Amino acid sequence: MGVDFLVTLRVGREDLEGLRSLRRGRLNDLADEHFRERIGEFFRRYPYDEWYSLNGEEFKEYKKEYNDVAPFPWQKIPDQ
């Protein structure tokens, strides 16, 4: 059996308590620490620019909807 720690699901507390009868086992200590860290990453908020990964043409389209963004050096195209 495997677990994908990159996938996080929201489950209401009442619903989760109702599923107790379906428990089949527990994580070992190492997996438990890894799980706690992955869940912690879900709640951290890092500042980032969502357009940093776009190339020049993609940035040009993105800028049509969001006027107040500035391109990164790799996103500048000659006609800007």
N, C-alpha and C. Protein backbone atom coordinates (compact mmCIF):
# COMPACT_ATOMS: atom_id res chain seq x y z
N MET A 1 0.84 -1.17 0.00
CA MET A 1 0.00 0.00 0.00
C MET A 1 0.89 1.24 0.00
N GLY A 2 0.47 2.27 -0.71
CA GLY A 2 1.23 3.50 -0.76
C GLY A 2 0.36 4.70 -0.49
N VAL A 3 1.02 5.80 -0.19
CA VAL A 3 0.32 7.05 0.10
C VAL A 3 0.96 8.15 -0.72
N ASP A 4 0.15 8.97 -1.38
CA ASP A 4 0.66 10.12 -2.10
C ASP A 4 0.49 11.33 -1.20
N PHE A 5 1.59 11.79 -0.60
CA PHE A 5 1.53 12.91 0.33
C PHE A 5 1.38 14.26 -0.38
N LEU A 6 1.43 14.28 -1.71
CA LEU A 6 1.24 15.53 -2.44
C LEU A 6 -0.23 15.86 -2.62
N VAL A 7 -1.11 14.92 -2.34
CA VAL A 7 -2.55 15.14 -2.49
C VAL A 7 -3.16 15.39 -1.12
N THR A 8 -3.82 16.52 -0.98
CA THR A 8 -4.45 16.86 0.29
C THR A 8 -5.95 17.01 0.06
N LEU A 9 -6.72 16.34 0.88
CA LEU A 9 -8.17 16.41 0.78
C LEU A 9 -8.73 17.06 2.04
N ARG A 10 -9.77 17.83 1.89
CA ARG A 10 -10.46 18.41 3.05
C ARG A 10 -11.64 17.52 3.41
N VAL A 11 -11.67 17.10 4.64
CA VAL A 11 -12.77 16.27 5.14
C VAL A 11 -13.24 16.89 6.44
N GLY A 12 -14.53 17.10 6.55
CA GLY A 12 -15.09 17.67 7.77
C GLY A 12 -14.85 16.77 8.97
N ARG A 13 -14.70 17.36 10.14
CA ARG A 13 -14.41 16.58 11.35
C ARG A 13 -15.48 15.54 11.63
N GLU A 14 -16.74 15.93 11.51
CA GLU A 14 -17.82 14.98 11.76
C GLU A 14 -17.77 13.81 10.80
N ASP A 15 -17.50 14.11 9.52
CA ASP A 15 -17.40 13.05 8.53
C ASP A 15 -16.22 12.13 8.84
N LEU A 16 -15.10 12.74 9.23
CA LEU A 16 -13.91 11.95 9.55
C LEU A 16 -14.16 11.04 10.75
N GLU A 17 -14.83 11.56 11.76
CA GLU A 17 -15.13 10.74 12.94
C GLU A 17 -16.07 9.59 12.57
N GLY A 18 -16.93 9.80 11.60
CA GLY A 18 -17.82 8.75 11.15
C GLY A 18 -17.12 7.63 10.40
N LEU A 19 -15.90 7.90 9.94
CA LEU A 19 -15.14 6.90 9.18
C LEU A 19 -14.18 6.09 10.05
N ARG A 20 -14.23 6.26 11.35
CA ARG A 20 -13.30 5.55 12.24
C ARG A 20 -13.35 4.04 12.06
N SER A 21 -14.52 3.52 11.78
CA SER A 21 -14.65 2.06 11.65
C SER A 21 -13.90 1.52 10.43
N LEU A 22 -13.51 2.39 9.51
CA LEU A 22 -12.81 1.96 8.30
C LEU A 22 -11.29 1.95 8.45
N ARG A 23 -10.76 2.36 9.59
CA ARG A 23 -9.31 2.38 9.80
C ARG A 23 -8.74 0.98 9.68
N ARG A 24 -7.63 0.88 9.00
CA ARG A 24 -6.98 -0.42 8.82
C ARG A 24 -5.59 -0.47 9.44
N GLY A 25 -5.02 0.65 9.77
CA GLY A 25 -3.67 0.66 10.33
C GLY A 25 -3.21 2.06 10.62
N ARG A 26 -1.97 2.18 11.02
CA ARG A 26 -1.38 3.48 11.33
C ARG A 26 -0.09 3.62 10.56
N LEU A 27 0.35 4.87 10.40
CA LEU A 27 1.65 5.12 9.77
C LEU A 27 2.76 4.81 10.77
N ASN A 28 3.91 4.36 10.25
CA ASN A 28 5.05 4.18 11.15
C ASN A 28 5.60 5.56 11.49
N ASP A 29 6.54 5.64 12.42
CA ASP A 29 7.03 6.94 12.92
C ASP A 29 7.61 7.81 11.80
N LEU A 30 8.39 7.22 10.91
CA LEU A 30 8.99 7.99 9.83
C LEU A 30 7.92 8.54 8.89
N ALA A 31 6.98 7.71 8.50
CA ALA A 31 5.90 8.15 7.61
C ALA A 31 5.01 9.19 8.30
N ASP A 32 4.82 9.03 9.60
CA ASP A 32 4.00 9.99 10.35
C ASP A 32 4.64 11.38 10.34
N GLU A 33 5.97 11.43 10.54
CA GLU A 33 6.67 12.73 10.50
C GLU A 33 6.60 13.34 9.10
N HIS A 34 6.75 12.50 8.07
CA HIS A 34 6.67 12.99 6.70
C HIS A 34 5.27 13.54 6.42
N PHE A 35 4.26 12.83 6.86
CA PHE A 35 2.88 13.27 6.68
C PHE A 35 2.63 14.61 7.38
N ARG A 36 3.12 14.75 8.59
CA ARG A 36 2.94 16.01 9.33
C ARG A 36 3.60 17.17 8.60
N GLU A 37 4.79 16.93 8.04
CA GLU A 37 5.48 17.99 7.30
C GLU A 37 4.71 18.36 6.05
N ARG A 38 4.19 17.39 5.32
CA ARG A 38 3.44 17.67 4.10
C ARG A 38 2.14 18.43 4.43
N ILE A 39 1.49 18.06 5.50
CA ILE A 39 0.29 18.79 5.90
C ILE A 39 0.66 20.22 6.30
N GLY A 40 1.79 20.38 6.98
CA GLY A 40 2.25 21.72 7.36
C GLY A 40 2.49 22.60 6.15
N GLU A 41 3.01 22.02 5.06
CA GLU A 41 3.25 22.80 3.84
C GLU A 41 1.94 23.33 3.27
N PHE A 42 0.86 22.61 3.46
CA PHE A 42 -0.44 23.06 2.98
C PHE A 42 -0.85 24.37 3.63
N PHE A 43 -0.47 24.57 4.88
CA PHE A 43 -0.90 25.76 5.62
C PHE A 43 0.10 26.91 5.55
N ARG A 44 1.30 26.67 5.04
CA ARG A 44 2.27 27.76 4.89
C ARG A 44 1.88 28.61 3.70
N ARG A 45 2.20 29.85 3.79
CA ARG A 45 1.92 30.77 2.69
C ARG A 45 3.21 31.44 2.27
N TYR A 46 3.72 31.05 1.09
CA TYR A 46 4.93 31.64 0.55
C TYR A 46 4.53 32.65 -0.52
N PRO A 47 5.14 33.85 -0.51
CA PRO A 47 4.84 34.80 -1.57
C PRO A 47 5.49 34.33 -2.88
N TYR A 48 4.77 34.40 -3.94
CA TYR A 48 5.31 34.03 -5.23
C TYR A 48 4.55 34.76 -6.33
N ASP A 49 5.13 34.81 -7.48
CA ASP A 49 4.49 35.40 -8.65
C ASP A 49 4.02 34.26 -9.53
N GLU A 50 2.72 34.18 -9.75
CA GLU A 50 2.19 33.04 -10.50
C GLU A 50 2.59 33.07 -11.97
N TRP A 51 3.10 34.18 -12.46
CA TRP A 51 3.46 34.28 -13.86
C TRP A 51 4.95 34.04 -14.12
N TYR A 52 5.73 33.70 -13.09
CA TYR A 52 7.18 33.55 -13.28
C TYR A 52 7.55 32.42 -14.24
N SER A 53 6.71 31.42 -14.38
CA SER A 53 7.05 30.27 -15.23
C SER A 53 6.62 30.45 -16.68
N LEU A 54 5.97 31.54 -17.00
CA LEU A 54 5.48 31.76 -18.36
C LEU A 54 6.61 32.21 -19.28
N ASN A 55 6.52 31.82 -20.55
CA ASN A 55 7.47 32.35 -21.53
C ASN A 55 6.95 33.69 -22.03
N GLY A 56 7.64 34.31 -22.97
CA GLY A 56 7.27 35.64 -23.43
C GLY A 56 5.88 35.74 -24.01
N GLU A 57 5.53 34.79 -24.87
CA GLU A 57 4.20 34.81 -25.50
C GLU A 57 3.09 34.56 -24.47
N GLU A 58 3.32 33.63 -23.57
CA GLU A 58 2.33 33.34 -22.53
C GLU A 58 2.16 34.55 -21.60
N PHE A 59 3.28 35.22 -21.28
CA PHE A 59 3.20 36.40 -20.42
C PHE A 59 2.40 37.50 -21.11
N LYS A 60 2.59 37.65 -22.41
CA LYS A 60 1.86 38.67 -23.16
C LYS A 60 0.34 38.45 -23.04
N GLU A 61 -0.10 37.21 -23.14
CA GLU A 61 -1.52 36.88 -22.97
C GLU A 61 -1.97 37.11 -21.53
N TYR A 62 -1.13 36.73 -20.58
CA TYR A 62 -1.45 36.90 -19.15
C TYR A 62 -1.62 38.38 -18.83
N LYS A 63 -0.77 39.22 -19.40
CA LYS A 63 -0.79 40.65 -19.12
C LYS A 63 -2.07 41.32 -19.62
N LYS A 64 -2.73 40.73 -20.60
CA LYS A 64 -3.99 41.30 -21.09
C LYS A 64 -5.04 41.32 -19.99
N GLU A 65 -5.00 40.33 -19.12
CA GLU A 65 -5.98 40.26 -18.04
C GLU A 65 -5.49 40.94 -16.76
N TYR A 66 -4.17 40.91 -16.53
CA TYR A 66 -3.60 41.50 -15.32
C TYR A 66 -2.59 42.57 -15.73
N ASN A 67 -3.02 43.83 -15.76
CA ASN A 67 -2.20 44.92 -16.27
C ASN A 67 -1.04 45.30 -15.38
N ASP A 68 -1.15 45.06 -14.08
CA ASP A 68 -0.16 45.59 -13.13
C ASP A 68 1.03 44.65 -12.90
N VAL A 69 1.25 43.68 -13.77
CA VAL A 69 2.38 42.76 -13.59
C VAL A 69 3.56 43.21 -14.44
N ALA A 70 4.75 42.95 -13.95
CA ALA A 70 5.97 43.29 -14.68
C ALA A 70 6.66 42.00 -15.12
N PRO A 71 7.17 41.96 -16.33
CA PRO A 71 7.80 40.73 -16.81
C PRO A 71 9.17 40.50 -16.17
N PHE A 72 9.53 39.24 -16.06
CA PHE A 72 10.88 38.87 -15.66
C PHE A 72 11.77 38.98 -16.90
N PRO A 73 13.08 39.04 -16.72
CA PRO A 73 13.97 39.22 -17.89
C PRO A 73 13.76 38.20 -19.00
N TRP A 74 13.48 36.96 -18.68
CA TRP A 74 13.30 35.93 -19.71
C TRP A 74 11.95 36.01 -20.41
N GLN A 75 11.08 36.90 -19.94
CA GLN A 75 9.75 37.03 -20.53
C GLN A 75 9.62 38.23 -21.46
N LYS A 76 10.64 39.05 -21.51
CA LYS A 76 10.58 40.25 -22.36
C LYS A 76 10.74 39.85 -23.81
N ILE A 77 9.86 40.38 -24.63
CA ILE A 77 9.96 40.16 -26.07
C ILE A 77 10.17 41.51 -26.73
N PRO A 78 10.80 41.56 -27.89
CA PRO A 78 11.23 42.84 -28.49
C PRO A 78 10.15 43.90 -28.63
N ASP A 79 8.89 43.53 -28.85
CA ASP A 79 7.85 44.55 -29.07
C ASP A 79 7.29 45.13 -27.79
N GLN A 80 7.85 44.81 -26.61
CA GLN A 80 7.34 45.36 -25.34
C GLN A 80 8.16 46.56 -24.92
